[in-house]
């Protein structure tokens, strides 16, 4: 889901945008799915790689699919062979 660069994953701006479009704070989303606000902040910052279960909970709450929020296109197709 995330590429590692300088010890961190990629920022998840799609998640942040979807949350803001639903007029939710990090705390609102966290409370709705049963995690801490810090967890949501770390996911958005690319510093925490969420479990599949957590990704699904986030997607369900925001009305989005896994592909819409968490899929990342490969940047180097040579690694896909």
N, C-alpha and C. Protein backbone atom coordinates (compact mmCIF):
# COMPACT_ATOMS: atom_id res chain seq x y z
N UNK A 1 0.80 -1.20 0.00
CA UNK A 1 0.00 0.00 0.00
C UNK A 1 0.84 1.26 0.00
N UNK A 2 1.90 1.25 0.78
CA UNK A 2 2.75 2.44 0.87
C UNK A 2 4.16 2.10 0.43
N UNK A 3 4.79 3.01 -0.27
CA UNK A 3 6.21 2.87 -0.59
C UNK A 3 7.00 3.49 0.55
N UNK A 4 8.12 2.90 0.85
CA UNK A 4 8.98 3.46 1.89
C UNK A 4 9.97 4.42 1.27
N UNK A 5 9.99 5.64 1.77
CA UNK A 5 10.96 6.65 1.35
C UNK A 5 11.43 7.36 2.60
N UNK A 6 12.72 7.31 2.84
CA UNK A 6 13.29 7.94 4.03
C UNK A 6 12.68 7.38 5.31
N UNK A 7 12.33 6.10 5.32
CA UNK A 7 11.80 5.48 6.52
C UNK A 7 10.32 5.68 6.74
N UNK A 8 9.65 6.39 5.87
CA UNK A 8 8.22 6.62 6.02
C UNK A 8 7.49 6.21 4.76
N UNK A 9 6.19 5.96 4.89
CA UNK A 9 5.37 5.66 3.72
C UNK A 9 4.93 6.95 3.05
N UNK A 10 4.18 6.79 1.98
CA UNK A 10 3.65 7.94 1.25
C UNK A 10 2.48 8.54 2.04
N UNK A 11 2.32 9.84 1.98
CA UNK A 11 1.18 10.49 2.62
C UNK A 11 -0.10 10.03 1.93
N UNK A 12 -1.15 9.84 2.72
CA UNK A 12 -2.41 9.42 2.14
C UNK A 12 -3.32 10.64 2.03
N UNK A 13 -3.13 11.42 0.99
CA UNK A 13 -3.93 12.62 0.79
C UNK A 13 -5.35 12.29 0.36
N UNK A 14 -5.53 11.13 -0.29
CA UNK A 14 -6.89 10.73 -0.69
C UNK A 14 -7.76 10.46 0.53
N UNK A 15 -7.18 9.86 1.55
CA UNK A 15 -7.91 9.62 2.79
C UNK A 15 -8.28 10.95 3.44
N UNK A 16 -7.33 11.85 3.53
CA UNK A 16 -7.60 13.15 4.14
C UNK A 16 -8.69 13.90 3.38
N UNK A 17 -8.61 13.89 2.06
CA UNK A 17 -9.62 14.57 1.24
C UNK A 17 -11.00 13.96 1.45
N UNK A 18 -11.09 12.64 1.45
CA UNK A 18 -12.38 11.97 1.65
C UNK A 18 -12.95 12.30 3.03
N UNK A 19 -12.09 12.36 4.04
CA UNK A 19 -12.54 12.70 5.39
C UNK A 19 -13.07 14.13 5.45
N UNK A 20 -12.33 15.05 4.85
CA UNK A 20 -12.73 16.46 4.84
C UNK A 20 -14.03 16.65 4.05
N UNK A 21 -14.17 15.92 2.93
CA UNK A 21 -15.41 16.00 2.14
C UNK A 21 -16.63 15.55 2.94
N UNK A 22 -16.43 14.64 3.90
CA UNK A 22 -17.51 14.19 4.78
C UNK A 22 -17.66 15.12 5.99
N UNK A 23 -16.89 16.21 6.01
CA UNK A 23 -16.91 17.18 7.11
C UNK A 23 -16.59 16.51 8.45
N UNK A 24 -15.59 15.64 8.43
CA UNK A 24 -15.17 14.93 9.63
C UNK A 24 -13.76 15.36 10.02
N UNK A 25 -13.54 15.48 11.31
CA UNK A 25 -12.18 15.69 11.81
C UNK A 25 -11.51 14.32 11.95
N UNK A 26 -10.22 14.33 12.21
CA UNK A 26 -9.54 13.07 12.49
C UNK A 26 -10.17 12.39 13.70
N UNK A 27 -10.53 13.19 14.69
CA UNK A 27 -11.17 12.66 15.89
C UNK A 27 -12.53 12.04 15.60
N UNK A 28 -13.31 12.68 14.73
CA UNK A 28 -14.62 12.14 14.36
C UNK A 28 -14.48 10.77 13.70
N UNK A 29 -13.57 10.68 12.74
CA UNK A 29 -13.36 9.41 12.04
C UNK A 29 -12.85 8.36 13.00
N UNK A 30 -11.90 8.73 13.82
CA UNK A 30 -11.33 7.79 14.79
C UNK A 30 -12.41 7.24 15.72
N UNK A 31 -13.25 8.12 16.24
CA UNK A 31 -14.32 7.68 17.14
C UNK A 31 -15.29 6.75 16.42
N UNK A 32 -15.61 7.07 15.19
CA UNK A 32 -16.58 6.27 14.42
C UNK A 32 -16.08 4.84 14.17
N UNK A 33 -14.77 4.67 14.05
CA UNK A 33 -14.25 3.33 13.74
C UNK A 33 -13.51 2.68 14.92
N UNK A 34 -13.42 3.38 16.04
CA UNK A 34 -12.86 2.78 17.25
C UNK A 34 -11.34 2.77 17.35
N UNK A 35 -10.70 3.82 16.84
CA UNK A 35 -9.25 3.97 17.00
C UNK A 35 -8.98 5.37 17.57
N UNK A 36 -7.73 5.68 17.79
CA UNK A 36 -7.39 7.01 18.31
C UNK A 36 -7.21 8.01 17.17
N UNK A 37 -7.34 9.27 17.51
CA UNK A 37 -7.11 10.33 16.53
C UNK A 37 -5.68 10.26 16.01
N UNK A 38 -4.76 9.89 16.89
CA UNK A 38 -3.36 9.79 16.49
C UNK A 38 -3.17 8.73 15.41
N UNK A 39 -3.92 7.64 15.48
CA UNK A 39 -3.83 6.60 14.46
C UNK A 39 -4.22 7.14 13.10
N UNK A 40 -5.31 7.89 13.04
CA UNK A 40 -5.75 8.48 11.77
C UNK A 40 -4.69 9.46 11.26
N UNK A 41 -4.16 10.27 12.15
CA UNK A 41 -3.11 11.22 11.77
C UNK A 41 -1.88 10.53 11.20
N UNK A 42 -1.48 9.43 11.82
CA UNK A 42 -0.31 8.68 11.35
C UNK A 42 -0.57 8.03 9.99
N UNK A 43 -1.78 7.52 9.78
CA UNK A 43 -2.12 6.93 8.48
C UNK A 43 -2.07 8.00 7.41
N UNK A 44 -2.67 9.16 7.68
CA UNK A 44 -2.68 10.25 6.71
C UNK A 44 -1.26 10.75 6.42
N UNK A 45 -0.40 10.71 7.42
CA UNK A 45 0.98 11.18 7.26
C UNK A 45 1.88 10.13 6.62
N UNK A 46 1.36 8.91 6.45
CA UNK A 46 2.16 7.84 5.86
C UNK A 46 3.14 7.21 6.82
N UNK A 47 2.90 7.36 8.11
CA UNK A 47 3.81 6.83 9.12
C UNK A 47 3.27 5.58 9.80
N UNK A 48 2.12 5.11 9.35
CA UNK A 48 1.50 3.91 9.91
C UNK A 48 0.81 3.16 8.79
N UNK A 49 1.11 1.89 8.67
CA UNK A 49 0.52 1.05 7.64
C UNK A 49 -0.64 0.28 8.28
N UNK A 50 -1.89 0.68 8.01
CA UNK A 50 -3.03 0.07 8.68
C UNK A 50 -3.29 -1.35 8.20
N UNK A 51 -3.91 -2.13 9.08
CA UNK A 51 -4.32 -3.49 8.71
C UNK A 51 -5.44 -3.41 7.68
N UNK A 52 -5.67 -4.53 7.01
CA UNK A 52 -6.76 -4.59 6.04
C UNK A 52 -8.09 -4.31 6.72
N UNK A 53 -8.28 -4.85 7.91
CA UNK A 53 -9.51 -4.63 8.66
C UNK A 53 -9.73 -3.14 8.94
N UNK A 54 -8.68 -2.45 9.33
CA UNK A 54 -8.79 -1.01 9.61
C UNK A 54 -9.06 -0.24 8.32
N UNK A 55 -8.40 -0.62 7.24
CA UNK A 55 -8.66 0.03 5.94
C UNK A 55 -10.12 -0.12 5.55
N UNK A 56 -10.66 -1.33 5.73
CA UNK A 56 -12.07 -1.57 5.38
C UNK A 56 -13.01 -0.74 6.25
N UNK A 57 -12.70 -0.62 7.53
CA UNK A 57 -13.53 0.20 8.43
C UNK A 57 -13.52 1.66 7.99
N UNK A 58 -12.35 2.17 7.64
CA UNK A 58 -12.23 3.55 7.17
C UNK A 58 -13.04 3.74 5.90
N UNK A 59 -12.88 2.82 4.95
CA UNK A 59 -13.60 2.91 3.67
C UNK A 59 -15.10 2.89 3.88
N UNK A 60 -15.57 1.99 4.72
CA UNK A 60 -17.01 1.89 4.99
C UNK A 60 -17.53 3.20 5.59
N UNK A 61 -16.81 3.74 6.53
CA UNK A 61 -17.24 4.97 7.20
C UNK A 61 -17.28 6.15 6.23
N UNK A 62 -16.32 6.20 5.31
CA UNK A 62 -16.23 7.33 4.38
C UNK A 62 -16.98 7.09 3.06
N UNK A 63 -17.54 5.89 2.90
CA UNK A 63 -18.29 5.58 1.68
C UNK A 63 -17.40 5.47 0.46
N UNK A 64 -16.21 4.95 0.64
CA UNK A 64 -15.24 4.80 -0.45
C UNK A 64 -14.79 3.35 -0.54
N UNK A 65 -14.18 2.99 -1.67
CA UNK A 65 -13.63 1.64 -1.84
C UNK A 65 -12.15 1.63 -1.43
N UNK A 66 -11.62 0.43 -1.24
CA UNK A 66 -10.19 0.31 -0.95
C UNK A 66 -9.36 0.94 -2.05
N UNK A 67 -9.76 0.69 -3.30
CA UNK A 67 -9.02 1.27 -4.43
C UNK A 67 -9.01 2.79 -4.37
N UNK A 68 -10.12 3.38 -4.02
CA UNK A 68 -10.21 4.84 -4.00
C UNK A 68 -9.31 5.46 -2.94
N UNK A 69 -9.15 4.80 -1.81
CA UNK A 69 -8.39 5.41 -0.72
C UNK A 69 -6.98 4.87 -0.54
N UNK A 70 -6.75 3.61 -0.88
CA UNK A 70 -5.48 3.00 -0.50
C UNK A 70 -4.66 2.41 -1.64
N UNK A 71 -5.22 2.27 -2.83
CA UNK A 71 -4.46 1.66 -3.92
C UNK A 71 -3.43 2.64 -4.45
N UNK A 72 -2.25 2.14 -4.68
CA UNK A 72 -1.19 2.97 -5.24
C UNK A 72 -0.67 2.30 -6.50
N UNK A 73 -0.64 3.03 -7.59
CA UNK A 73 -0.13 2.50 -8.85
C UNK A 73 1.38 2.29 -8.74
N UNK A 74 1.88 1.16 -9.26
CA UNK A 74 3.33 0.95 -9.24
C UNK A 74 4.05 2.02 -10.05
N UNK A 75 5.17 2.49 -9.53
CA UNK A 75 5.93 3.51 -10.25
C UNK A 75 7.02 2.89 -11.11
N UNK A 76 7.39 1.67 -10.78
CA UNK A 76 8.44 0.99 -11.54
C UNK A 76 7.93 -0.38 -11.95
N UNK A 77 7.45 -0.49 -13.18
CA UNK A 77 6.83 -1.73 -13.63
C UNK A 77 7.81 -2.89 -13.71
N UNK A 78 9.10 -2.62 -13.70
CA UNK A 78 10.08 -3.71 -13.73
C UNK A 78 9.95 -4.58 -12.48
N UNK A 79 9.51 -4.01 -11.38
CA UNK A 79 9.36 -4.76 -10.14
C UNK A 79 8.14 -5.67 -10.17
N UNK A 80 7.29 -5.54 -11.16
CA UNK A 80 6.06 -6.33 -11.25
C UNK A 80 6.27 -7.63 -12.01
N UNK A 81 7.40 -7.81 -12.63
CA UNK A 81 7.65 -9.02 -13.43
C UNK A 81 7.96 -10.20 -12.56
